[in-house]
C-alpha atoms as a PDB file:
ATOM      1  CA  MET A   1     -18.061  21.063   0.395  1.00  0.00           C
ATOM      2  CA  ARG A   2     -18.683  17.870   2.104  1.00  0.00           C
ATOM      3  CA  ALA A   3     -15.844  15.678   2.923  1.00  0.00           C
ATOM      4  CA  ILE A   4     -16.811  12.321   1.401  1.00  0.00           C
ATOM      5  CA  VAL A   5     -16.603   9.657   4.341  1.00  0.00           C
ATOM      6  CA  LEU A   6     -15.246   6.347   3.562  1.00  0.00           C
ATOM      7  CA  ALA A   7     -16.633   3.395   5.741  1.00  0.00           C
ATOM      8  CA  ALA A   8     -13.606   1.264   6.465  1.00  0.00           C
ATOM      9  CA  LYS A   9     -15.738  -1.615   7.318  1.00  0.00           C
ATOM     10  CA  LYS A  10     -15.815  -2.445   3.444  1.00  0.00           C
ATOM     11  CA  ALA A  11     -11.881  -1.587   2.490  1.00  0.00           C
ATOM     12  CA  LYS A  12     -10.062  -4.961   1.552  1.00  0.00           C
ATOM     13  CA  VAL A  13      -7.111  -6.237   0.312  1.00  0.00           C
ATOM     14  CA  ALA A  14      -6.586  -8.447  -2.709  1.00  0.00           C
ATOM     15  CA  LEU A  15      -3.917 -10.268  -5.099  1.00  0.00           C
ATOM     16  CA  GLY A  16      -5.261  -8.724  -8.750  1.00  0.00           C
ATOM     17  CA  ILE A  17      -8.918 -10.055  -8.195  1.00  0.00           C
ATOM     18  CA  ASP A  18      -8.869 -12.662  -5.299  1.00  0.00           C
ATOM     19  CA  LYS A  19      -9.243 -11.554  -2.182  1.00  0.00           C
ATOM     20  CA  ILE A  20      -7.087 -12.775   0.670  1.00  0.00           C
ATOM     21  CA  VAL A  21      -8.901 -13.959   3.079  1.00  0.00           C
ATOM     22  CA  GLY A  22      -9.184 -12.491   6.900  1.00  0.00           C
ATOM     23  CA  MET A  23      -8.083  -9.274   6.353  1.00  0.00           C
ATOM     24  CA  GLY A  24      -9.194  -6.818   8.594  1.00  0.00           C
ATOM     25  CA  ASN A  25      -6.551  -3.850   8.314  1.00  0.00           C
ATOM     26  CA  TRP A  26      -4.437  -2.317   6.174  1.00  0.00           C
ATOM     27  CA  SER A  27      -2.001   0.716   6.334  1.00  0.00           C
ATOM     28  CA  PHE A  28       0.931   2.574   4.929  1.00  0.00           C
ATOM     29  CA  PRO A  29       2.895   5.576   6.491  1.00  0.00           C
ATOM     30  CA  GLY A  30       2.824   7.545   3.566  1.00  0.00           C
ATOM     31  CA  PHE A  31       5.150   9.373   1.117  1.00  0.00           C
ATOM     32  CA  THR A  32       8.206  10.869   2.409  1.00  0.00           C
ATOM     33  CA  THR A  33      10.863  12.172   0.324  1.00  0.00           C
ATOM     34  CA  GLU A  34      14.631  11.840   1.263  1.00  0.00           C
ATOM     35  CA  MET A  35      16.213  15.191   2.123  1.00  0.00           C
ATOM     36  CA  ILE A  36      19.561  15.758   1.196  1.00  0.00           C
ATOM     37  CA  GLU A  37      21.907  17.870   2.914  1.00  0.00           C
ATOM     38  CA  ASP A  38      23.922  21.592   1.410  1.00  0.00           C
ATOM     39  CA  ILE A  39      25.659  22.533   3.482  1.00  0.00           C
ATOM     40  CA  GLU A  40      29.237  23.585   3.836  1.00  0.00           C
ATOM     41  CA  PHE A  41      31.448  25.596   6.295  1.00  0.00           C
ATOM     42  CA  GLU A  42      30.711  28.670   7.633  1.00  0.00           C
ATOM     43  CA  ASP A  43      27.188  27.675   6.881  1.00  0.00           C
ATOM     44  CA  GLU A  44      24.437  29.097  10.189  1.00  0.00           C
ATOM     45  CA  PHE A  45      21.313  26.757   9.403  1.00  0.00           C
ATOM     46  CA  ASP A  46      20.920  23.407   7.914  1.00  0.00           C
ATOM     47  CA  HIS A  47      19.832  23.539   3.782  1.00  0.00           C
ATOM     48  CA  VAL A  48      18.397  20.805   2.071  1.00  0.00           C
ATOM     49  CA  VAL A  49      17.648  19.608  -1.446  1.00  0.00           C
ATOM     50  CA  PRO A  50      14.817  16.845  -2.341  1.00  0.00           C
ATOM     51  CA  GLY A  51      15.734  13.508  -2.865  1.00  0.00           C
ATOM     52  CA  ILE A  52      14.486  10.369  -3.922  1.00  0.00           C
ATOM     53  CA  GLY A  53      10.726   9.567  -2.923  1.00  0.00           C
ATOM     54  CA  SER A  54       9.124   6.665  -1.430  1.00  0.00           C
ATOM     55  CA  TYR A  55       5.912   5.342  -0.208  1.00  0.00           C
ATOM     56  CA  GLY A  56       7.846   3.087   2.753  1.00  0.00           C
ATOM     57  CA  THR A  57       6.410  -0.213   3.514  1.00  0.00           C
ATOM     58  CA  ILE A  58       2.828  -1.710   3.951  1.00  0.00           C
ATOM     59  CA  THR A  59       1.365  -3.447   6.456  1.00  0.00           C
ATOM     60  CA  VAL A  60      -1.336  -5.497   6.395  1.00  0.00           C
ATOM     61  CA  SER A  61      -3.219  -7.875   9.178  1.00  0.00           C
ATOM     62  CA  GLY A  62      -6.171 -10.174  10.522  1.00  0.00           C
ATOM     63  CA  ASN A  63      -7.080 -13.438  10.362  1.00  0.00           C
ATOM     64  CA  TYR A  64      -4.755 -16.475   9.904  1.00  0.00           C
ATOM     65  CA  ASP A  65      -6.153 -18.573   7.181  1.00  0.00           C
ATOM     66  CA  PRO A  66      -3.178 -21.226   5.938  1.00  0.00           C
ATOM     67  CA  THR A  67      -5.675 -22.614   3.488  1.00  0.00           C
ATOM     68  CA  ASP A  68      -6.271 -19.277   2.029  1.00  0.00           C
ATOM     69  CA  ALA A  69      -3.925 -20.428  -1.580  1.00  0.00           C
ATOM     70  CA  ASP A  70      -4.660 -17.360  -3.412  1.00  0.00           C
ATOM     71  CA  GLY A  71      -4.337 -15.252  -0.848  1.00  0.00           C
ATOM     72  CA  GLN A  72      -2.056 -16.057   1.794  1.00  0.00           C
ATOM     73  CA  ALA A  73       0.013 -19.091   0.862  1.00  0.00           C
ATOM     74  CA  ALA A  74       0.670 -17.086  -2.308  1.00  0.00           C
ATOM     75  CA  LEU A  75       2.135 -14.109  -0.296  1.00  0.00           C
ATOM     76  CA  TYR A  76       4.663 -17.274   1.657  1.00  0.00           C
ATOM     77  CA  THR A  77       5.724 -17.969  -1.912  1.00  0.00           C
ATOM     78  CA  ALA A  78       6.029 -14.525  -3.261  1.00  0.00           C
ATOM     79  CA  TRP A  79       8.751 -13.618   0.650  1.00  0.00           C
ATOM     80  CA  LYS A  80      10.213 -17.262   0.129  1.00  0.00           C
ATOM     81  CA  ASN A  81      10.972 -17.063  -3.834  1.00  0.00           C
ATOM     82  CA  LYS A  82      11.610 -12.598  -3.486  1.00  0.00           C
ATOM     83  CA  THR A  83       9.213 -12.306  -6.292  1.00  0.00           C
ATOM     84  CA  LYS A  84       7.668  -8.799  -7.126  1.00  0.00           C
ATOM     85  CA  ILE A  85       4.229  -8.493  -6.680  1.00  0.00           C
ATOM     86  CA  THR A  86       2.689  -5.725  -9.254  1.00  0.00           C
ATOM     87  CA  ASN A  87      -1.555  -6.708  -8.342  1.00  0.00           C
ATOM     88  CA  LEU A  88      -1.681  -5.907  -4.640  1.00  0.00           C
ATOM     89  CA  ARG A  89      -4.907  -4.022  -4.157  1.00  0.00           C
ATOM     90  CA  LEU A  90      -5.381  -2.040  -1.398  1.00  0.00           C
ATOM     91  CA  TYR A  91      -9.528  -1.561  -1.733  1.00  0.00           C
ATOM     92  CA  LEU A  92     -10.833   1.610   0.057  1.00  0.00           C
ATOM     93  CA  THR A  93     -14.388  -0.074  -0.119  1.00  0.00           C
ATOM     94  CA  ASN A  94     -15.537  -3.766  -1.615  1.00  0.00           C
ATOM     95  CA  SER A  95     -16.021  -1.184  -4.644  1.00  0.00           C
ATOM     96  CA  GLU A  96     -13.098  -0.146  -7.738  1.00  0.00           C
ATOM     97  CA  LYS A  97     -11.686   2.432  -5.361  1.00  0.00           C
ATOM     98  CA  TYR A  98      -8.195   0.864  -4.381  1.00  0.00           C
ATOM     99  CA  TRP A  99      -4.606   1.567  -3.730  1.00  0.00           C
ATOM    100  CA  THR A 100      -2.137  -0.069  -6.701  1.00  0.00           C
ATOM    101  CA  PRO A 101       1.163  -0.206  -8.016  1.00  0.00           C
ATOM    102  CA  ASP A 102       1.816   1.513 -11.478  1.00  0.00           C
ATOM    103  CA  THR A 103       3.468  -0.532 -13.772  1.00  0.00           C
ATOM    104  CA  THR A 104       2.333   1.663 -15.902  1.00  0.00           C
ATOM    105  CA  GLY A 105       3.741   4.930 -15.217  1.00  0.00           C
ATOM    106  CA  ASP A 106       6.842   3.217 -14.135  1.00  0.00           C
ATOM    107  CA  ALA A 107       7.127  -0.733 -15.071  1.00  0.00           C
ATOM    108  CA  ALA A 108       9.674  -1.579 -12.205  1.00  0.00           C
ATOM    109  CA  SER A 109       6.868  -0.793  -9.352  1.00  0.00           C
ATOM    110  CA  GLY A 110       5.384  -3.131  -7.512  1.00  0.00           C
ATOM    111  CA  VAL A 111       6.215  -4.580  -4.075  1.00  0.00           C
ATOM    112  CA  TYR A 112       8.534  -7.084  -2.070  1.00  0.00           C
ATOM    113  CA  ILE A 113       7.299  -9.265   0.462  1.00  0.00           C
ATOM    114  CA  GLU A 114       9.468  -7.700   3.558  1.00  0.00           C
ATOM    115  CA  THR A 115       7.967  -9.763   6.858  1.00  0.00           C
ATOM    116  CA  TYR A 116       5.304 -12.873   5.921  1.00  0.00           C
ATOM    117  CA  GLY A 117       3.276 -13.811   9.039  1.00  0.00           C
ATOM    118  CA  ALA A 118       3.973 -12.235  12.641  1.00  0.00           C
ATOM    119  CA  ILE A 119       1.347 -15.727  12.961  1.00  0.00           C
ATOM    120  CA  THR A 120      -0.519 -15.325  16.605  1.00  0.00           C
ATOM    121  CA  PHE A 121      -2.932 -17.721  18.915  1.00  0.00           C
ATOM    122  CA  ASP A 122      -4.289 -16.630  22.114  1.00  0.00           C
ATOM    123  CA  ARG A 123      -6.572 -18.742  23.439  1.00  0.00           C
ATOM    124  CA  ALA A 124      -9.299 -16.175  23.846  1.00  0.00           C
ATOM    125  CA  ASP A 125      -9.146 -15.156  20.033  1.00  0.00           C
ATOM    126  CA  LEU A 126      -8.426 -16.390  16.634  1.00  0.00           C
ATOM    127  CA  GLY A 127      -5.216 -17.018  15.359  1.00  0.00           C
ATOM    128  CA  LYS A 128      -3.785 -13.800  14.069  1.00  0.00           C
ATOM    129  CA  PHE A 129      -1.380 -13.063  10.401  1.00  0.00           C
ATOM    130  CA  GLU A 130       0.381  -9.882   9.413  1.00  0.00           C
ATOM    131  CA  PHE A 131       2.874  -9.115   6.800  1.00  0.00           C
ATOM    132  CA  THR A 132       4.607  -6.392   5.481  1.00  0.00           C
ATOM    133  CA  ALA A 133       5.367  -5.122   1.795  1.00  0.00           C
ATOM    134  CA  ARG A 134       8.095  -2.835   0.685  1.00  0.00           C
ATOM    135  CA  VAL A 135       7.053  -0.840  -1.881  1.00  0.00           C
ATOM    136  CA  THR A 136       9.411  -0.271  -4.703  1.00  0.00           C
ATOM    137  CA  GLY A 137       8.133   2.614  -7.726  1.00  0.00           C
ATOM    138  CA  LEU A 138       5.255   4.291  -7.708  1.00  0.00           C
ATOM    139  CA  LEU A 139       1.082   3.686  -6.666  1.00  0.00           C
ATOM    140  CA  LYS A 140      -1.479   4.753  -7.877  1.00  0.00           C
ATOM    141  CA  LEU A 141      -5.054   5.230  -7.180  1.00  0.00           C
ATOM    142  CA  VAL A 142      -7.739   3.885  -9.004  1.00  0.00           C
ATOM    143  CA  GLY A 143     -11.243   4.933  -9.304  1.00  0.00           C
ATOM    144  CA  VAL A 144     -11.461   7.948  -7.202  1.00  0.00           C
ATOM    145  CA  THR A 145     -13.971  10.478  -8.028  1.00  0.00           C
ATOM    146  CA  THR A 146     -11.171  14.027  -7.762  1.00  0.00           C
ATOM    147  CA  ARG A 147     -12.576  17.482  -7.011  1.00  0.00           C
ATOM    148  CA  THR A 148     -11.124  19.996  -9.902  1.00  0.00           C
ATOM    149  CA  SER A 149     -13.398  22.672  -9.088  1.00  0.00           C
ATOM    150  CA  THR A 150     -16.792  23.306  -6.776  1.00  0.00           C
ATOM    151  CA  THR A 151     -18.681  22.981 -10.135  1.00  0.00           C
ATOM    152  CA  SER A 152     -17.063  19.561 -12.412  1.00  0.00           C
ATOM    153  CA  SER A 153     -15.169  16.858 -10.879  1.00  0.00           C
ATOM    154  CA  SER A 154     -13.644  13.571 -12.986  1.00  0.00           C
ATOM    155  CA  THR A 155     -12.897   9.741 -12.336  1.00  0.00           C
ATOM    156  CA  THR A 156      -9.193   9.214 -12.673  1.00  0.00           C
ATOM    157  CA  SER A 157      -6.967   6.681 -12.193  1.00  0.00           C
ATOM    158  CA  SER A 158      -3.821   9.151 -10.982  1.00  0.00           C
ATOM    159  CA  THR A 159      -0.583   8.369 -10.161  1.00  0.00           C
ATOM    160  CA  VAL A 160       0.723  10.148  -6.758  1.00  0.00           C
ATOM    161  CA  THR A 161       5.059  10.057  -6.988  1.00  0.00           C
ATOM    162  CA  ALA A 162       6.727  10.780  -4.207  1.00  0.00           C
END
């Protein structure tokens, strides 16, 4: 079975249905689980048990647009007021496939703006902007068809718990 290839040029970042203008790159480091040491005297090797999971910090960057009231300016307001954002969407394509906080699976889920604006200007380039958002709780992947076998598939909104 062939892999599905996603053209990154069709991705986008939004707050709800409002696209954050100018963004051209998003990433998150993947899922991590804290490992807790379970050792005692005379142990010859480490013993660990899984602790809490984390989605880590999402990084988004692109072109700076201070007039983007529903996007970049809204992020600044969320950072300044320390407001949790529950409607951040990291689109895989320009359709309805995206990562977002899973407020159904965990009502406390969302992101907090950790850093707002590494704003840079270079005379040979456009003004650049970057923000980071720390995930709290769960994320879910919406609208992706998962392969359950070679003969069937289903469209799901699945929560991936770290």
